[in-house]
């Protein structure tokens, strides 16, 4: 039976409200071959006390200042020993207790596994599927119209990963996934929901900077002219989505 080791990495800073929900979604997994790493940015709001309560379930806990989200992610990546890595940040959740087991049972030895993401609000209530539906067959070309797979819904063979690029403060996860996907030979859609994503985050609060970073990343992978055209398509789809949903809600 195919049972690779999975390194799950959670980064957190001062998120006492949400961290326990994330911890519990990982601890309750029926799949046993999991290495769980938590990188805390020296929280002082009670987060660390909660982490220490769950210490027996955490393979490695680090609590120290960092230089931002991707610096913390790189610390976790450097410590990971698993065959695959998954980032499940504070506030987000693995979808169900059997999710990891189902993913690795779906097909042996893929380079990347991915699935669909459900959005949740601050209370953990469902807001439905992400606006970007996961593609039926994913390749590195599929991000040209936006990040169609969420960071929490993609399991990548560790040997394909590289450190997050320090040039990007908000959107380095897009670049990180694209680098791995460009090297991948076998990518498997597990055809199910695999993650719950807490709506919000830093990229929402600093939306303009995030958009600039995303444009620069896509320009690097797809070229300037195609990226300009693709952003026109993205703007049209976003406008249509907003109009459609506003009409539905009226």
C-alpha atoms as a PDB file:
ATOM      1  CA  UNK A   1       0.000   0.000   0.000  1.00  0.00           C
ATOM      2  CA  UNK A   2       1.275   3.480  -0.922  1.00  0.00           C
ATOM      3  CA  UNK A   3       1.805   5.338   2.397  1.00  0.00           C
ATOM      4  CA  UNK A   4       4.397   8.102   1.931  1.00  0.00           C
ATOM      5  CA  UNK A   5       5.359  10.437   4.753  1.00  0.00           C
ATOM      6  CA  UNK A   6       3.560  13.785   4.569  1.00  0.00           C
ATOM      7  CA  UNK A   7       5.087  16.884   6.131  1.00  0.00           C
ATOM      8  CA  UNK A   8       2.309  19.308   7.096  1.00  0.00           C
ATOM      9  CA  UNK A   9       3.581  22.799   7.906  1.00  0.00           C
ATOM     10  CA  UNK A  10       1.553  25.393   9.786  1.00  0.00           C
ATOM     11  CA  UNK A  11       2.790  28.936  10.179  1.00  0.00           C
ATOM     12  CA  UNK A  12       1.137  31.235  12.679  1.00  0.00           C
ATOM     13  CA  UNK A  13       1.543  34.567  14.401  1.00  0.00           C
ATOM     14  CA  UNK A  14      -0.864  35.938  17.012  1.00  0.00           C
ATOM     15  CA  UNK A  15      -3.900  33.959  15.854  1.00  0.00           C
ATOM     16  CA  UNK A  16      -5.308  32.617  19.102  1.00  0.00           C
ATOM     17  CA  UNK A  17      -8.821  32.704  17.633  1.00  0.00           C
ATOM     18  CA  UNK A  18      -8.196  30.225  14.794  1.00  0.00           C
ATOM     19  CA  UNK A  19      -5.120  28.113  15.516  1.00  0.00           C
ATOM     20  CA  UNK A  20      -6.923  25.391  17.481  1.00  0.00           C
ATOM     21  CA  UNK A  21      -9.321  24.677  14.609  1.00  0.00           C
ATOM     22  CA  UNK A  22      -6.357  24.148  12.284  1.00  0.00           C
ATOM     23  CA  UNK A  23      -4.540  21.926  14.786  1.00  0.00           C
ATOM     24  CA  UNK A  24      -7.582  19.729  15.304  1.00  0.00           C
ATOM     25  CA  UNK A  25      -8.156  19.250  11.568  1.00  0.00           C
ATOM     26  CA  UNK A  26      -4.638  17.819  11.289  1.00  0.00           C
ATOM     27  CA  UNK A  27      -4.599  15.797  14.496  1.00  0.00           C
ATOM     28  CA  UNK A  28      -7.862  14.015  13.608  1.00  0.00           C
ATOM     29  CA  UNK A  29      -6.532  12.658  10.294  1.00  0.00           C
ATOM     30  CA  UNK A  30      -6.917   8.885   9.978  1.00  0.00           C
ATOM     31  CA  UNK A  31      -3.675   8.768   7.971  1.00  0.00           C
ATOM     32  CA  UNK A  32      -0.820   8.062  10.400  1.00  0.00           C
ATOM     33  CA  UNK A  33       2.381   8.774   8.454  1.00  0.00           C
ATOM     34  CA  UNK A  34       2.347  12.532   9.101  1.00  0.00           C
ATOM     35  CA  UNK A  35       5.124  14.798  10.315  1.00  0.00           C
ATOM     36  CA  UNK A  36       3.610  17.988  11.717  1.00  0.00           C
ATOM     37  CA  UNK A  37       5.739  21.135  11.878  1.00  0.00           C
ATOM     38  CA  UNK A  38       4.539  24.413  13.403  1.00  0.00           C
ATOM     39  CA  UNK A  39       6.454  27.660  12.880  1.00  0.00           C
ATOM     40  CA  UNK A  40       5.273  30.405  15.212  1.00  0.00           C
ATOM     41  CA  UNK A  41       6.510  33.979  14.840  1.00  0.00           C
ATOM     42  CA  UNK A  42       6.937  34.554  18.605  1.00  0.00           C
ATOM     43  CA  UNK A  43       3.228  35.049  19.304  1.00  0.00           C
ATOM     44  CA  UNK A  44       2.259  36.911  22.474  1.00  0.00           C
ATOM     45  CA  UNK A  45      -1.557  36.682  22.401  1.00  0.00           C
ATOM     46  CA  UNK A  46      -2.057  33.183  23.829  1.00  0.00           C
ATOM     47  CA  UNK A  47      -1.359  31.290  20.582  1.00  0.00           C
ATOM     48  CA  UNK A  48       1.791  29.713  22.013  1.00  0.00           C
ATOM     49  CA  UNK A  49      -0.096  28.442  25.069  1.00  0.00           C
ATOM     50  CA  UNK A  50      -2.530  26.626  22.777  1.00  0.00           C
ATOM     51  CA  UNK A  51       0.332  25.181  20.720  1.00  0.00           C
ATOM     52  CA  UNK A  52       2.013  23.892  23.867  1.00  0.00           C
ATOM     53  CA  UNK A  53      -1.243  22.156  24.875  1.00  0.00           C
ATOM     54  CA  UNK A  54      -1.035  20.168  21.634  1.00  0.00           C
ATOM     55  CA  UNK A  55       2.736  19.650  21.750  1.00  0.00           C
ATOM     56  CA  UNK A  56       2.470  15.844  21.899  1.00  0.00           C
ATOM     57  CA  UNK A  57       0.890  15.936  18.422  1.00  0.00           C
ATOM     58  CA  UNK A  58       3.508  18.290  16.932  1.00  0.00           C
ATOM     59  CA  UNK A  59       6.738  16.826  15.555  1.00  0.00           C
ATOM     60  CA  UNK A  60       8.600  20.144  15.737  1.00  0.00           C
ATOM     61  CA  UNK A  61       7.529  23.484  17.193  1.00  0.00           C
ATOM     62  CA  UNK A  62       9.584  26.628  16.646  1.00  0.00           C
ATOM     63  CA  UNK A  63       8.615  29.982  18.140  1.00  0.00           C
ATOM     64  CA  UNK A  64      10.858  32.882  17.166  1.00  0.00           C
ATOM     65  CA  UNK A  65      10.652  36.173  15.239  1.00  0.00           C
ATOM     66  CA  UNK A  66      10.747  35.932  11.454  1.00  0.00           C
ATOM     67  CA  UNK A  67      10.924  38.256   8.453  1.00  0.00           C
ATOM     68  CA  UNK A  68       7.424  37.521   7.213  1.00  0.00           C
ATOM     69  CA  UNK A  69       5.149  34.743   6.026  1.00  0.00           C
ATOM     70  CA  UNK A  70       7.472  33.226   3.425  1.00  0.00           C
ATOM     71  CA  UNK A  71      10.503  33.365   5.685  1.00  0.00           C
ATOM     72  CA  UNK A  72       8.470  31.293   8.159  1.00  0.00           C
ATOM     73  CA  UNK A  73       7.391  28.917   5.389  1.00  0.00           C
ATOM     74  CA  UNK A  74      11.015  28.469   4.321  1.00  0.00           C
ATOM     75  CA  UNK A  75      11.940  27.541   7.902  1.00  0.00           C
ATOM     76  CA  UNK A  76       9.302  24.824   7.827  1.00  0.00           C
ATOM     77  CA  UNK A  77      10.363  23.610   4.399  1.00  0.00           C
ATOM     78  CA  UNK A  78      13.999  23.351   5.528  1.00  0.00           C
ATOM     79  CA  UNK A  79      12.942  21.158   8.478  1.00  0.00           C
ATOM     80  CA  UNK A  80      10.579  18.900   6.498  1.00  0.00           C
ATOM     81  CA  UNK A  81      11.628  15.277   6.062  1.00  0.00           C
ATOM     82  CA  UNK A  82       8.497  13.945   4.370  1.00  0.00           C
ATOM     83  CA  UNK A  83       8.064  12.622   0.837  1.00  0.00           C
ATOM     84  CA  UNK A  84       5.371  15.278   0.271  1.00  0.00           C
ATOM     85  CA  UNK A  85       4.701  18.697   1.771  1.00  0.00           C
ATOM     86  CA  UNK A  86       1.462  20.522   2.518  1.00  0.00           C
ATOM     87  CA  UNK A  87       1.089  24.034   3.935  1.00  0.00           C
ATOM     88  CA  UNK A  88      -1.953  24.426   6.166  1.00  0.00           C
ATOM     89  CA  UNK A  89      -1.717  27.867   7.722  1.00  0.00           C
ATOM     90  CA  UNK A  90      -3.503  29.071  10.838  1.00  0.00           C
ATOM     91  CA  UNK A  91      -7.250  29.388  10.261  1.00  0.00           C
ATOM     92  CA  UNK A  92      -7.327  26.922   7.358  1.00  0.00           C
ATOM     93  CA  UNK A  93      -8.304  23.265   7.699  1.00  0.00           C
ATOM     94  CA  UNK A  94      -7.916  19.883   6.072  1.00  0.00           C
ATOM     95  CA  UNK A  95     -11.396  19.154   4.779  1.00  0.00           C
ATOM     96  CA  UNK A  96     -12.277  15.909   6.592  1.00  0.00           C
ATOM     97  CA  UNK A  97     -10.613  13.278   8.815  1.00  0.00           C
ATOM     98  CA  UNK A  98     -10.111  10.846   5.902  1.00  0.00           C
ATOM     99  CA  UNK A  99      -8.869  13.463   3.411  1.00  0.00           C
ATOM    100  CA  UNK A 100      -5.139  12.644   3.500  1.00  0.00           C
ATOM    101  CA  UNK A 101      -5.808   8.892   3.400  1.00  0.00           C
ATOM    102  CA  UNK A 102      -8.101   9.341   0.392  1.00  0.00           C
ATOM    103  CA  UNK A 103      -5.563  11.484  -1.438  1.00  0.00           C
ATOM    104  CA  UNK A 104      -2.764   8.926  -1.265  1.00  0.00           C
ATOM    105  CA  UNK A 105      -5.186   6.077  -2.009  1.00  0.00           C
ATOM    106  CA  UNK A 106      -6.302   7.811  -5.215  1.00  0.00           C
ATOM    107  CA  UNK A 107      -3.111   6.989  -7.150  1.00  0.00           C
ATOM    108  CA  UNK A 108       0.411   5.882  -6.223  1.00  0.00           C
ATOM    109  CA  UNK A 109       3.513   8.049  -6.487  1.00  0.00           C
ATOM    110  CA  UNK A 110       2.221  11.183  -8.227  1.00  0.00           C
ATOM    111  CA  UNK A 111       4.436  14.262  -8.247  1.00  0.00           C
ATOM    112  CA  UNK A 112       1.504  16.477  -7.233  1.00  0.00           C
ATOM    113  CA  UNK A 113      -1.963  15.790  -5.843  1.00  0.00           C
ATOM    114  CA  UNK A 114      -4.611  18.489  -5.778  1.00  0.00           C
ATOM    115  CA  UNK A 115      -8.306  18.997  -5.122  1.00  0.00           C
ATOM    116  CA  UNK A 116     -11.038  21.531  -4.517  1.00  0.00           C
ATOM    117  CA  UNK A 117     -11.291  24.132  -1.732  1.00  0.00           C
ATOM    118  CA  UNK A 118     -14.247  25.274   0.326  1.00  0.00           C
ATOM    119  CA  UNK A 119     -14.230  28.840   1.651  1.00  0.00           C
ATOM    120  CA  UNK A 120     -15.151  29.474   5.288  1.00  0.00           C
ATOM    121  CA  UNK A 121     -15.792  32.612   7.329  1.00  0.00           C
ATOM    122  CA  UNK A 122     -14.393  33.599  10.725  1.00  0.00           C
ATOM    123  CA  UNK A 123     -16.945  31.370  12.456  1.00  0.00           C
ATOM    124  CA  UNK A 124     -15.884  28.342  10.384  1.00  0.00           C
ATOM    125  CA  UNK A 125     -19.134  28.415   8.377  1.00  0.00           C
ATOM    126  CA  UNK A 126     -19.125  27.402   4.719  1.00  0.00           C
ATOM    127  CA  UNK A 127     -19.199  30.109   2.034  1.00  0.00           C
ATOM    128  CA  UNK A 128     -19.142  27.585  -0.804  1.00  0.00           C
ATOM    129  CA  UNK A 129     -16.484  26.770  -3.371  1.00  0.00           C
ATOM    130  CA  UNK A 130     -13.767  29.214  -4.376  1.00  0.00           C
ATOM    131  CA  UNK A 131     -14.543  31.420  -7.378  1.00  0.00           C
ATOM    132  CA  UNK A 132     -11.653  29.735  -9.220  1.00  0.00           C
ATOM    133  CA  UNK A 133     -12.650  26.122  -9.805  1.00  0.00           C
ATOM    134  CA  UNK A 134      -9.762  23.662  -9.756  1.00  0.00           C
ATOM    135  CA  UNK A 135      -8.954  22.583 -13.354  1.00  0.00           C
ATOM    136  CA  UNK A 136      -9.819  19.064 -14.409  1.00  0.00           C
ATOM    137  CA  UNK A 137      -6.210  18.474 -15.493  1.00  0.00           C
ATOM    138  CA  UNK A 138      -3.685  20.868 -13.994  1.00  0.00           C
ATOM    139  CA  UNK A 139      -0.438  21.980 -15.636  1.00  0.00           C
ATOM    140  CA  UNK A 140       1.732  25.025 -14.937  1.00  0.00           C
ATOM    141  CA  UNK A 141      -0.071  26.854 -17.758  1.00  0.00           C
ATOM    142  CA  UNK A 142      -3.329  26.876 -15.776  1.00  0.00           C
ATOM    143  CA  UNK A 143      -2.431  29.812 -13.515  1.00  0.00           C
ATOM    144  CA  UNK A 144      -2.469  32.256 -16.430  1.00  0.00           C
ATOM    145  CA  UNK A 145      -6.036  33.331 -15.527  1.00  0.00           C
ATOM    146  CA  UNK A 146      -5.517  33.213 -11.761  1.00  0.00           C
ATOM    147  CA  UNK A 147      -4.549  30.838  -8.954  1.00  0.00           C
ATOM    148  CA  UNK A 148      -6.940  28.018  -9.808  1.00  0.00           C
ATOM    149  CA  UNK A 149      -5.703  25.745  -6.989  1.00  0.00           C
ATOM    150  CA  UNK A 150      -5.353  27.077  -3.473  1.00  0.00           C
ATOM    151  CA  UNK A 151      -2.138  26.645  -1.534  1.00  0.00           C
ATOM    152  CA  UNK A 152      -3.959  24.531   1.055  1.00  0.00           C
ATOM    153  CA  UNK A 153      -5.244  22.089  -1.566  1.00  0.00           C
ATOM    154  CA  UNK A 154      -2.003  20.973  -3.205  1.00  0.00           C
ATOM    155  CA  UNK A 155       0.342  18.212  -2.032  1.00  0.00           C
ATOM    156  CA  UNK A 156       3.751  18.427  -3.702  1.00  0.00           C
ATOM    157  CA  UNK A 157       6.592  15.917  -3.713  1.00  0.00           C
ATOM    158  CA  UNK A 158       9.267  17.522  -1.549  1.00  0.00           C
ATOM    159  CA  UNK A 159      12.027  16.747  -4.045  1.00  0.00           C
ATOM    160  CA  UNK A 160      10.335  19.125  -6.513  1.00  0.00           C
ATOM    161  CA  UNK A 161      10.110  22.065  -4.123  1.00  0.00           C
ATOM    162  CA  UNK A 162      12.403  25.071  -3.790  1.00  0.00           C
ATOM    163  CA  UNK A 163      12.511  27.806  -1.138  1.00  0.00           C
ATOM    164  CA  UNK A 164       9.972  30.590  -1.525  1.00  0.00           C
ATOM    165  CA  UNK A 165      11.319  33.559  -3.471  1.00  0.00           C
ATOM    166  CA  UNK A 166      12.079  36.438  -1.106  1.00  0.00           C
ATOM    167  CA  UNK A 167      11.280  39.002  -3.814  1.00  0.00           C
ATOM    168  CA  UNK A 168       7.583  38.461  -3.181  1.00  0.00           C
ATOM    169  CA  UNK A 169       6.028  39.404   0.167  1.00  0.00           C
ATOM    170  CA  UNK A 170       2.427  38.355  -0.595  1.00  0.00           C
ATOM    171  CA  UNK A 171       2.273  36.088  -3.665  1.00  0.00           C
ATOM    172  CA  UNK A 172       5.363  33.865  -3.503  1.00  0.00           C
ATOM    173  CA  UNK A 173       3.081  30.824  -3.153  1.00  0.00           C
ATOM    174  CA  UNK A 174       2.022  31.234  -6.793  1.00  0.00           C
ATOM    175  CA  UNK A 175       5.634  31.214  -7.948  1.00  0.00           C
ATOM    176  CA  UNK A 176       6.414  28.263  -5.644  1.00  0.00           C
ATOM    177  CA  UNK A 177       3.618  26.105  -7.064  1.00  0.00           C
ATOM    178  CA  UNK A 178       4.460  27.032 -10.660  1.00  0.00           C
ATOM    179  CA  UNK A 179       8.119  26.057 -10.192  1.00  0.00           C
ATOM    180  CA  UNK A 180       7.125  22.620  -8.904  1.00  0.00           C
ATOM    181  CA  UNK A 181       4.379  22.113 -11.494  1.00  0.00           C
ATOM    182  CA  UNK A 182       6.771  22.920 -14.332  1.00  0.00           C
ATOM    183  CA  UNK A 183       9.008  20.048 -13.156  1.00  0.00           C
ATOM    184  CA  UNK A 184       6.207  17.584 -12.396  1.00  0.00           C
ATOM    185  CA  UNK A 185       5.643  14.589 -14.655  1.00  0.00           C
ATOM    186  CA  UNK A 186       2.470  13.232 -13.036  1.00  0.00           C
ATOM    187  CA  UNK A 187      -0.217  15.466 -11.509  1.00  0.00           C
ATOM    188  CA  UNK A 188      -3.369  13.881 -10.076  1.00  0.00           C
ATOM    189  CA  UNK A 189      -6.743  15.531  -9.481  1.00  0.00           C
ATOM    190  CA  UNK A 190      -8.256  13.645  -6.528  1.00  0.00           C
ATOM    191  CA  UNK A 191     -11.778  14.795  -7.520  1.00  0.00           C
ATOM    192  CA  UNK A 192     -12.889  15.893  -4.053  1.00  0.00           C
ATOM    193  CA  UNK A 193     -12.769  18.759  -1.587  1.00  0.00           C
ATOM    194  CA  UNK A 194      -9.497  18.602   0.329  1.00  0.00           C
ATOM    195  CA  UNK A 195      -9.229  21.934   2.192  1.00  0.00           C
ATOM    196  CA  UNK A 196     -11.140  24.716   3.895  1.00  0.00           C
ATOM    197  CA  UNK A 197      -9.766  28.208   3.321  1.00  0.00           C
ATOM    198  CA  UNK A 198     -10.386  31.046   5.772  1.00  0.00           C
ATOM    199  CA  UNK A 199     -11.379  34.075   3.689  1.00  0.00           C
ATOM    200  CA  UNK A 200      -9.211  37.139   4.304  1.00  0.00           C
ATOM    201  CA  UNK A 201      -5.484  37.231   4.980  1.00  0.00           C
ATOM    202  CA  UNK A 202      -2.684  39.652   4.213  1.00  0.00           C
ATOM    203  CA  UNK A 203      -3.085  39.513   0.431  1.00  0.00           C
ATOM    204  CA  UNK A 204      -6.655  40.822   0.871  1.00  0.00           C
ATOM    205  CA  UNK A 205      -5.554  43.621   3.186  1.00  0.00           C
ATOM    206  CA  UNK A 206      -2.761  44.680   0.781  1.00  0.00           C
ATOM    207  CA  UNK A 207      -4.625  43.903  -2.412  1.00  0.00           C
ATOM    208  CA  UNK A 208      -2.812  46.330  -4.718  1.00  0.00           C
ATOM    209  CA  UNK A 209       0.647  45.062  -3.762  1.00  0.00           C
ATOM    210  CA  UNK A 210      -0.555  41.495  -4.155  1.00  0.00           C
ATOM    211  CA  UNK A 211      -1.873  42.217  -7.670  1.00  0.00           C
ATOM    212  CA  UNK A 212       1.426  43.813  -8.718  1.00  0.00           C
ATOM    213  CA  UNK A 213       3.349  40.787  -7.464  1.00  0.00           C
ATOM    214  CA  UNK A 214       0.994  38.381  -9.234  1.00  0.00           C
ATOM    215  CA  UNK A 215       1.372  40.293 -12.494  1.00  0.00           C
ATOM    216  CA  UNK A 216       5.181  40.175 -12.237  1.00  0.00           C
ATOM    217  CA  UNK A 217       5.152  36.449 -11.516  1.00  0.00           C
ATOM    218  CA  UNK A 218       2.855  35.663 -14.429  1.00  0.00           C
ATOM    219  CA  UNK A 219       4.865  37.930 -16.725  1.00  0.00           C
ATOM    220  CA  UNK A 220       7.930  35.858 -15.866  1.00  0.00           C
ATOM    221  CA  UNK A 221       6.208  32.560 -16.717  1.00  0.00           C
ATOM    222  CA  UNK A 222       3.899  33.520 -19.585  1.00  0.00           C
ATOM    223  CA  UNK A 223       5.423  36.673 -21.136  1.00  0.00           C
ATOM    224  CA  UNK A 224       4.395  40.352 -21.025  1.00  0.00           C
ATOM    225  CA  UNK A 225       1.855  40.496 -23.875  1.00  0.00           C
ATOM    226  CA  UNK A 226       0.018  37.260 -22.965  1.00  0.00           C
ATOM    227  CA  UNK A 227      -0.114  38.366 -19.320  1.00  0.00           C
ATOM    228  CA  UNK A 228      -1.634  41.735 -20.259  1.00  0.00           C
ATOM    229  CA  UNK A 229      -4.254  39.956 -22.379  1.00  0.00           C
ATOM    230  CA  UNK A 230      -4.925  37.361 -19.676  1.00  0.00           C
ATOM    231  CA  UNK A 231      -5.445  40.086 -17.076  1.00  0.00           C
ATOM    232  CA  UNK A 232      -8.076  41.605 -19.343  1.00  0.00           C
ATOM    233  CA  UNK A 233      -9.848  38.237 -19.348  1.00  0.00           C
ATOM    234  CA  UNK A 234      -9.498  38.026 -15.547  1.00  0.00           C
ATOM    235  CA  UNK A 235     -11.012  41.515 -15.130  1.00  0.00           C
ATOM    236  CA  UNK A 236     -13.954  40.610 -17.391  1.00  0.00           C
ATOM    237  CA  UNK A 237     -14.640  37.348 -15.533  1.00  0.00           C
ATOM    238  CA  UNK A 238     -14.386  39.075 -12.164  1.00  0.00           C
ATOM    239  CA  UNK A 239     -16.819  41.800 -13.274  1.00  0.00           C
ATOM    240  CA  UNK A 240     -19.273  39.241 -14.602  1.00  0.00           C
ATOM    241  CA  UNK A 241     -18.997  37.172 -11.408  1.00  0.00           C
ATOM    242  CA  UNK A 242     -19.693  40.264  -9.293  1.00  0.00           C
ATOM    243  CA  UNK A 243     -22.698  41.297 -11.405  1.00  0.00           C
ATOM    244  CA  UNK A 244     -24.126  37.783 -11.448  1.00  0.00           C
ATOM    245  CA  UNK A 245     -23.825  37.367  -7.695  1.00  0.00           C
ATOM    246  CA  UNK A 246     -25.122  40.841  -6.949  1.00  0.00           C
ATOM    247  CA  UNK A 247     -28.187  40.104  -9.033  1.00  0.00           C
ATOM    248  CA  UNK A 248     -28.621  36.806  -7.214  1.00  0.00           C
ATOM    249  CA  UNK A 249     -28.445  38.560  -3.855  1.00  0.00           C
ATOM    250  CA  UNK A 250     -30.825  41.435  -4.799  1.00  0.00           C
END
